[in-house]
PDB file of N, CA and C in Angstrom:
ATOM      1  N   UNK A   1     147.581  41.946  90.671  1.00  0.00           N
ATOM      2  CA  UNK A   1     146.953  43.231  91.105  1.00  0.00           C
ATOM      3  C   UNK A   1     146.480  43.890  89.648  1.00  0.00           C
ATOM      4  N   UNK A   2     145.612  44.608  89.768  1.00  0.00           N
ATOM      5  CA  UNK A   2     145.014  45.582  88.465  1.00  0.00           C
ATOM      6  C   UNK A   2     144.777  46.607  89.384  1.00  0.00           C
ATOM      7  N   UNK A   3     145.161  47.673  88.545  1.00  0.00           N
ATOM      8  CA  UNK A   3     144.725  49.322  89.068  1.00  0.00           C
ATOM      9  C   UNK A   3     144.529  50.119  87.803  1.00  0.00           C
ATOM     10  N   UNK A   4     143.738  51.060  88.093  1.00  0.00           N
ATOM     11  CA  UNK A   4     143.420  52.257  87.243  1.00  0.00           C
ATOM     12  C   UNK A   4     143.653  53.487  87.816  1.00  0.00           C
ATOM     13  N   UNK A   5     144.435  54.282  86.919  1.00  0.00           N
ATOM     14  CA  UNK A   5     144.474  55.758  87.333  1.00  0.00           C
ATOM     15  C   UNK A   5     143.843  56.844  86.678  1.00  0.00           C
ATOM     16  N   UNK A   6     143.151  57.713  87.167  1.00  0.00           N
ATOM     17  CA  UNK A   6     142.744  58.677  86.356  1.00  0.00           C
ATOM     18  C   UNK A   6     142.960  60.167  86.921  1.00  0.00           C
ATOM     19  N   UNK A   7     143.404  61.175  86.312  1.00  0.00           N
ATOM     20  CA  UNK A   7     144.022  62.584  86.746  1.00  0.00           C
ATOM     21  C   UNK A   7     143.065  63.418  86.337  1.00  0.00           C
ATOM     22  N   UNK A   8     142.751  64.376  87.102  1.00  0.00           N
ATOM     23  CA  UNK A   8     141.829  65.393  86.866  1.00  0.00           C
ATOM     24  C   UNK A   8     142.341  66.630  86.042  1.00  0.00           C
ATOM     25  N   UNK A   9     141.358  67.000  85.059  1.00  0.00           N
ATOM     26  CA  UNK A   9     142.025  68.187  84.291  1.00  0.00           C
ATOM     27  C   UNK A   9     141.725  69.488  84.874  1.00  0.00           C
ATOM     28  N   UNK A  10     141.082  69.285  86.054  1.00  0.00           N
ATOM     29  CA  UNK A  10     141.019  70.567  86.779  1.00  0.00           C
ATOM     30  C   UNK A  10     142.111  71.175  87.396  1.00  0.00           C
ATOM     31  N   UNK A  11     143.242  70.407  87.099  1.00  0.00           N
ATOM     32  CA  UNK A  11     144.518  70.745  87.934  1.00  0.00           C
ATOM     33  C   UNK A  11     145.481  71.069  86.731  1.00  0.00           C
ATOM     34  N   UNK A  12     146.564  71.709  86.662  1.00  0.00           N
ATOM     35  CA  UNK A  12     147.452  72.002  85.974  1.00  0.00           C
ATOM     36  C   UNK A  12     148.861  70.808  86.293  1.00  0.00           C
ATOM     37  N   UNK A  13     149.048  70.056  85.201  1.00  0.00           N
ATOM     38  CA  UNK A  13     150.005  69.099  85.579  1.00  0.00           C
ATOM     39  C   UNK A  13     151.307  69.443  84.788  1.00  0.00           C
ATOM     40  N   UNK A  14     152.411  68.932  85.423  1.00  0.00           N
ATOM     41  CA  UNK A  14     153.887  68.817  84.885  1.00  0.00           C
ATOM     42  C   UNK A  14     154.238  67.687  84.739  1.00  0.00           C
ATOM     43  N   UNK A  15     154.834  67.346  83.328  1.00  0.00           N
ATOM     44  CA  UNK A  15     155.569  66.037  82.979  1.00  0.00           C
ATOM     45  C   UNK A  15     156.934  66.302  82.496  1.00  0.00           C
ATOM     46  N   UNK A  16     157.281  67.356  82.536  1.00  0.00           N
ATOM     47  CA  UNK A  16     158.664  67.593  81.951  1.00  0.00           C
ATOM     48  C   UNK A  16     159.791  67.270  83.045  1.00  0.00           C
ATOM     49  N   UNK A  17     160.915  67.476  82.752  1.00  0.00           N
ATOM     50  CA  UNK A  17     162.084  67.071  83.723  1.00  0.00           C
ATOM     51  C   UNK A  17     162.054  68.041  84.927  1.00  0.00           C
ATOM     52  N   UNK A  18     161.824  69.371  84.766  1.00  0.00           N
ATOM     53  CA  UNK A  18     161.953  70.394  85.699  1.00  0.00           C
ATOM     54  C   UNK A  18     160.472  70.806  85.934  1.00  0.00           C
ATOM     55  N   UNK A  19     160.052  71.750  86.736  1.00  0.00           N
ATOM     56  CA  UNK A  19     158.861  71.923  86.999  1.00  0.00           C
ATOM     57  C   UNK A  19     159.111  73.510  87.613  1.00  0.00           C
ATOM     58  N   UNK A  20     158.041  74.336  87.100  1.00  0.00           N
ATOM     59  CA  UNK A  20     157.826  75.604  87.618  1.00  0.00           C
ATOM     60  C   UNK A  20     156.452  76.214  87.707  1.00  0.00           C
ATOM     61  N   UNK A  21     155.838  77.116  88.527  1.00  0.00           N
ATOM     62  CA  UNK A  21     154.638  77.295  88.517  1.00  0.00           C
ATOM     63  C   UNK A  21     153.818  76.525  89.411  1.00  0.00           C
ATOM     64  N   UNK A  22     152.443  76.868  89.369  1.00  0.00           N
ATOM     65  CA  UNK A  22     151.342  76.318  90.365  1.00  0.00           C
ATOM     66  C   UNK A  22     150.983  74.772  89.180  1.00  0.00           C
ATOM     67  N   UNK A  23     151.914  73.774  89.164  1.00  0.00           N
ATOM     68  CA  UNK A  23     151.523  72.883  88.485  1.00  0.00           C
ATOM     69  C   UNK A  23     152.051  71.520  89.607  1.00  0.00           C
ATOM     70  N   UNK A  24     151.079  70.361  89.399  1.00  0.00           N
ATOM     71  CA  UNK A  24     151.438  69.347  90.361  1.00  0.00           C
ATOM     72  C   UNK A  24     152.359  68.477  89.557  1.00  0.00           C
ATOM     73  N   UNK A  25     153.156  67.814  89.870  1.00  0.00           N
ATOM     74  CA  UNK A  25     154.159  66.916  89.065  1.00  0.00           C
ATOM     75  C   UNK A  25     153.514  65.618  88.909  1.00  0.00           C
ATOM     76  N   UNK A  26     153.191  65.381  87.624  1.00  0.00           N
ATOM     77  CA  UNK A  26     152.362  64.065  87.409  1.00  0.00           C
ATOM     78  C   UNK A  26     153.379  62.794  87.667  1.00  0.00           C
ATOM     79  N   UNK A  27     154.673  62.705  87.481  1.00  0.00           N
ATOM     80  CA  UNK A  27     155.350  61.465  87.950  1.00  0.00           C
ATOM     81  C   UNK A  27     155.340  61.382  89.470  1.00  0.00           C
ATOM     82  N   UNK A  28     155.594  62.489  90.268  1.00  0.00           N
ATOM     83  CA  UNK A  28     155.246  62.188  91.653  1.00  0.00           C
ATOM     84  C   UNK A  28     153.817  61.860  92.137  1.00  0.00           C
ATOM     85  N   UNK A  29     152.933  62.294  91.614  1.00  0.00           N
ATOM     86  CA  UNK A  29     151.588  62.118  91.982  1.00  0.00           C
ATOM     87  C   UNK A  29     151.357  60.630  91.421  1.00  0.00           C
ATOM     88  N   UNK A  30     151.779  59.863  90.326  1.00  0.00           N
ATOM     89  CA  UNK A  30     151.453  58.778  89.879  1.00  0.00           C
ATOM     90  C   UNK A  30     152.409  57.816  90.940  1.00  0.00           C
ATOM     91  N   UNK A  31     153.624  58.151  91.421  1.00  0.00           N
ATOM     92  CA  UNK A  31     154.363  57.457  92.012  1.00  0.00           C
ATOM     93  C   UNK A  31     153.505  57.220  93.492  1.00  0.00           C
ATOM     94  N   UNK A  32     152.826  58.145  94.048  1.00  0.00           N
ATOM     95  CA  UNK A  32     152.179  58.096  95.164  1.00  0.00           C
ATOM     96  C   UNK A  32     150.959  57.404  95.220  1.00  0.00           C
ATOM     97  N   UNK A  33     150.123  57.468  94.032  1.00  0.00           N
ATOM     98  CA  UNK A  33     149.185  56.578  93.850  1.00  0.00           C
ATOM     99  C   UNK A  33     149.347  55.166  93.534  1.00  0.00           C
ATOM    100  N   UNK A  34     150.475  55.108  93.065  1.00  0.00           N
ATOM    101  CA  UNK A  34     150.881  53.469  92.606  1.00  0.00           C
ATOM    102  C   UNK A  34     151.271  52.932  94.149  1.00  0.00           C
ATOM    103  N   UNK A  35     151.767  53.829  94.892  1.00  0.00           N
ATOM    104  CA  UNK A  35     152.276  53.067  96.126  1.00  0.00           C
ATOM    105  C   UNK A  35     150.993  52.743  96.894  1.00  0.00           C
ATOM    106  N   UNK A  36     149.597  53.365  96.794  1.00  0.00           N
ATOM    107  CA  UNK A  36     148.683  52.904  97.450  1.00  0.00           C
ATOM    108  C   UNK A  36     148.196  51.497  96.517  1.00  0.00           C
ATOM    109  N   UNK A  37     148.110  51.472  95.095  1.00  0.00           N
ATOM    110  CA  UNK A  37     147.855  50.457  94.576  1.00  0.00           C
ATOM    111  C   UNK A  37     148.605  49.154  95.183  1.00  0.00           C
ATOM    112  N   UNK A  38     149.865  49.180  95.711  1.00  0.00           N
ATOM    113  CA  UNK A  38     150.673  48.114  96.241  1.00  0.00           C
ATOM    114  C   UNK A  38     150.233  47.922  97.552  1.00  0.00           C
ATOM    115  N   UNK A  39     149.563  48.602  98.257  1.00  0.00           N
ATOM    116  CA  UNK A  39     149.132  48.379  99.547  1.00  0.00           C
ATOM    117  C   UNK A  39     149.716  49.438 100.749  1.00  0.00           C
ATOM    118  N   UNK A  40     150.469  50.524 100.141  1.00  0.00           N
ATOM    119  CA  UNK A  40     150.937  51.529 101.379  1.00  0.00           C
ATOM    120  C   UNK A  40     150.043  52.429 101.565  1.00  0.00           C
ATOM    121  N   UNK A  41     149.891  53.126 102.832  1.00  0.00           N
ATOM    122  CA  UNK A  41     149.141  54.054 103.387  1.00  0.00           C
ATOM    123  C   UNK A  41     149.920  55.216 103.427  1.00  0.00           C
ATOM    124  N   UNK A  42     149.300  56.342 103.568  1.00  0.00           N
ATOM    125  CA  UNK A  42     149.896  57.417 104.194  1.00  0.00           C
ATOM    126  C   UNK A  42     150.989  57.449 105.235  1.00  0.00           C
ATOM    127  N   UNK A  43     151.897  57.967 105.344  1.00  0.00           N
ATOM    128  CA  UNK A  43     153.028  58.030 106.405  1.00  0.00           C
ATOM    129  C   UNK A  43     152.872  59.241 107.363  1.00  0.00           C
ATOM    130  N   UNK A  44     153.013  59.092 108.454  1.00  0.00           N
ATOM    131  CA  UNK A  44     152.893  60.198 109.603  1.00  0.00           C
ATOM    132  C   UNK A  44     154.273  61.083 109.109  1.00  0.00           C
ATOM    133  N   UNK A  45     155.456  60.377 109.095  1.00  0.00           N
ATOM    134  CA  UNK A  45     156.593  61.124 108.980  1.00  0.00           C
ATOM    135  C   UNK A  45     156.875  61.436 107.076  1.00  0.00           C
ATOM    136  N   UNK A  46     156.430  62.759 106.909  1.00  0.00           N
ATOM    137  CA  UNK A  46     156.493  62.953 105.556  1.00  0.00           C
ATOM    138  C   UNK A  46     157.672  63.659 105.025  1.00  0.00           C
ATOM    139  N   UNK A  47     158.962  63.622 105.689  1.00  0.00           N
ATOM    140  CA  UNK A  47     160.259  64.158 105.393  1.00  0.00           C
ATOM    141  C   UNK A  47     160.595  63.019 104.169  1.00  0.00           C
ATOM    142  N   UNK A  48     160.758  63.517 102.935  1.00  0.00           N
ATOM    143  CA  UNK A  48     161.248  63.017 101.911  1.00  0.00           C
ATOM    144  C   UNK A  48     160.724  61.534 101.488  1.00  0.00           C
ATOM    145  N   UNK A  49     159.440  61.343 101.801  1.00  0.00           N
ATOM    146  CA  UNK A  49     158.630  60.115 101.497  1.00  0.00           C
ATOM    147  C   UNK A  49     157.655  60.410 100.523  1.00  0.00           C
ATOM    148  N   UNK A  50     157.567  59.305  99.627  1.00  0.00           N
ATOM    149  CA  UNK A  50     156.429  59.568  98.715  1.00  0.00           C
ATOM    150  C   UNK A  50     155.231  59.192  99.096  1.00  0.00           C
ATOM    151  N   UNK A  51     155.125  58.728 100.268  1.00  0.00           N
ATOM    152  CA  UNK A  51     153.533  58.132 100.821  1.00  0.00           C
ATOM    153  C   UNK A  51     153.240  59.230 101.790  1.00  0.00           C
ATOM    154  N   UNK A  52     153.983  60.372 101.708  1.00  0.00           N
ATOM    155  CA  UNK A  52     153.157  61.593 102.491  1.00  0.00           C
ATOM    156  C   UNK A  52     151.888  61.900 102.439  1.00  0.00           C
ATOM    157  N   UNK A  53     151.193  62.280 103.312  1.00  0.00           N
ATOM    158  CA  UNK A  53     149.947  62.395 102.984  1.00  0.00           C
ATOM    159  C   UNK A  53     149.533  63.573 102.015  1.00  0.00           C
ATOM    160  N   UNK A  54     150.378  64.677 101.674  1.00  0.00           N
ATOM    161  CA  UNK A  54     150.051  65.687 100.997  1.00  0.00           C
ATOM    162  C   UNK A  54     151.239  65.955 100.227  1.00  0.00           C
ATOM    163  N   UNK A  55     151.120  66.633  98.940  1.00  0.00           N
ATOM    164  CA  UNK A  55     152.390  67.047  98.272  1.00  0.00           C
ATOM    165  C   UNK A  55     152.206  68.575  97.791  1.00  0.00           C
ATOM    166  N   UNK A  56     152.955  69.283  97.392  1.00  0.00           N
ATOM    167  CA  UNK A  56     152.740  70.762  97.079  1.00  0.00           C
ATOM    168  C   UNK A  56     152.944  70.882  95.582  1.00  0.00           C
ATOM    169  N   UNK A  57     152.979  71.835  94.929  1.00  0.00           N
ATOM    170  CA  UNK A  57     153.425  72.252  93.509  1.00  0.00           C
ATOM    171  C   UNK A  57     154.716  71.977  93.306  1.00  0.00           C
ATOM    172  N   UNK A  58     154.882  71.483  91.924  1.00  0.00           N
ATOM    173  CA  UNK A  58     156.351  71.134  91.480  1.00  0.00           C
ATOM    174  C   UNK A  58     156.997  70.171  92.418  1.00  0.00           C
ATOM    175  N   UNK A  59     156.617  69.306  93.193  1.00  0.00           N
ATOM    176  CA  UNK A  59     157.414  68.213  94.398  1.00  0.00           C
ATOM    177  C   UNK A  59     157.947  67.264  93.121  1.00  0.00           C
ATOM    178  N   UNK A  60     158.914  67.346  92.691  1.00  0.00           N
ATOM    179  CA  UNK A  60     159.628  66.545  91.834  1.00  0.00           C
ATOM    180  C   UNK A  60     160.341  65.487  92.583  1.00  0.00           C
ATOM    181  N   UNK A  61     160.742  66.097  93.922  1.00  0.00           N
ATOM    182  CA  UNK A  61     161.442  64.954  94.806  1.00  0.00           C
ATOM    183  C   UNK A  61     160.835  63.746  95.059  1.00  0.00           C
ATOM    184  N   UNK A  62     159.457  63.691  95.097  1.00  0.00           N
ATOM    185  CA  UNK A  62     158.525  62.847  95.299  1.00  0.00           C
ATOM    186  C   UNK A  62     158.383  61.592  93.910  1.00  0.00           C
ATOM    187  N   UNK A  63     159.061  61.836  93.192  1.00  0.00           N
ATOM    188  CA  UNK A  63     159.270  60.886  92.073  1.00  0.00           C
ATOM    189  C   UNK A  63     160.008  59.640  92.541  1.00  0.00           C
ATOM    190  N   UNK A  64     161.021  59.847  93.550  1.00  0.00           N
ATOM    191  CA  UNK A  64     161.732  58.718  93.499  1.00  0.00           C
ATOM    192  C   UNK A  64     161.388  58.324  95.189  1.00  0.00           C
ATOM    193  N   UNK A  65     161.324  56.729  95.344  1.00  0.00           N
ATOM    194  CA  UNK A  65     160.880  56.449  96.665  1.00  0.00           C
ATOM    195  C   UNK A  65     161.981  56.720  97.793  1.00  0.00           C
ATOM    196  N   UNK A  66     161.449  57.082  99.006  1.00  0.00           N
ATOM    197  CA  UNK A  66     162.347  57.108 100.249  1.00  0.00           C
ATOM    198  C   UNK A  66     162.696  55.918 100.720  1.00  0.00           C
ATOM    199  N   UNK A  67     163.238  55.900 101.782  1.00  0.00           N
ATOM    200  CA  UNK A  67     163.835  54.747 102.363  1.00  0.00           C
ATOM    201  C   UNK A  67     162.643  54.165 103.209  1.00  0.00           C
ATOM    202  N   UNK A  68     161.888  54.794 103.683  1.00  0.00           N
ATOM    203  CA  UNK A  68     160.601  54.552 104.219  1.00  0.00           C
ATOM    204  C   UNK A  68     159.671  53.873 103.503  1.00  0.00           C
ATOM    205  N   UNK A  69     159.513  54.518 102.380  1.00  0.00           N
ATOM    206  CA  UNK A  69     158.673  53.715 101.390  1.00  0.00           C
ATOM    207  C   UNK A  69     159.024  52.449 100.824  1.00  0.00           C
ATOM    208  N   UNK A  70     160.526  52.198 100.510  1.00  0.00           N
ATOM    209  CA  UNK A  70     161.303  50.966 100.262  1.00  0.00           C
ATOM    210  C   UNK A  70     160.935  50.120 101.328  1.00  0.00           C
ATOM    211  N   UNK A  71     161.085  50.429 102.802  1.00  0.00           N
ATOM    212  CA  UNK A  71     160.775  49.268 103.569  1.00  0.00           C
ATOM    213  C   UNK A  71     159.402  48.880 103.801  1.00  0.00           C
ATOM    214  N   UNK A  72     158.551  49.963 103.613  1.00  0.00           N
ATOM    215  CA  UNK A  72     157.196  49.722 103.816  1.00  0.00           C
ATOM    216  C   UNK A  72     156.845  48.666 102.689  1.00  0.00           C
ATOM    217  N   UNK A  73     157.211  48.710 101.438  1.00  0.00           N
ATOM    218  CA  UNK A  73     157.142  47.652 100.391  1.00  0.00           C
ATOM    219  C   UNK A  73     157.415  46.458 100.630  1.00  0.00           C
ATOM    220  N   UNK A  74     158.873  46.580 101.440  1.00  0.00           N
ATOM    221  CA  UNK A  74     159.546  45.199 101.517  1.00  0.00           C
ATOM    222  C   UNK A  74     158.857  44.465 102.780  1.00  0.00           C
ATOM    223  N   UNK A  75     158.036  45.162 103.639  1.00  0.00           N
ATOM    224  CA  UNK A  75     157.529  44.529 104.636  1.00  0.00           C
ATOM    225  C   UNK A  75     156.075  43.964 104.128  1.00  0.00           C
ATOM    226  N   UNK A  76     155.603  44.416 103.027  1.00  0.00           N
ATOM    227  CA  UNK A  76     154.405  44.025 102.491  1.00  0.00           C
ATOM    228  C   UNK A  76     154.746  42.766 101.557  1.00  0.00           C
ATOM    229  N   UNK A  77     156.060  42.759 101.002  1.00  0.00           N
ATOM    230  CA  UNK A  77     156.100  41.880 100.087  1.00  0.00           C
ATOM    231  C   UNK A  77     157.192  40.962 100.304  1.00  0.00           C
TER     232      UNK A  77
END
């Protein structure tokens, strides 16, 4: 597998341990996009899952895979 990711400079990004303000969490977005690279799509159940269709500002909870994300990867590999 090979994948490249680029992040727009039109958005404000957070890369610190904590987040505040109107910034997207870089680690959470990267985790989500890597999920696509591994073959995962968006999930209809967005409660606590990285592969939810959208995320909000400072969504640091999505830095870590939820059970549904782990099961999805397990089903593919």
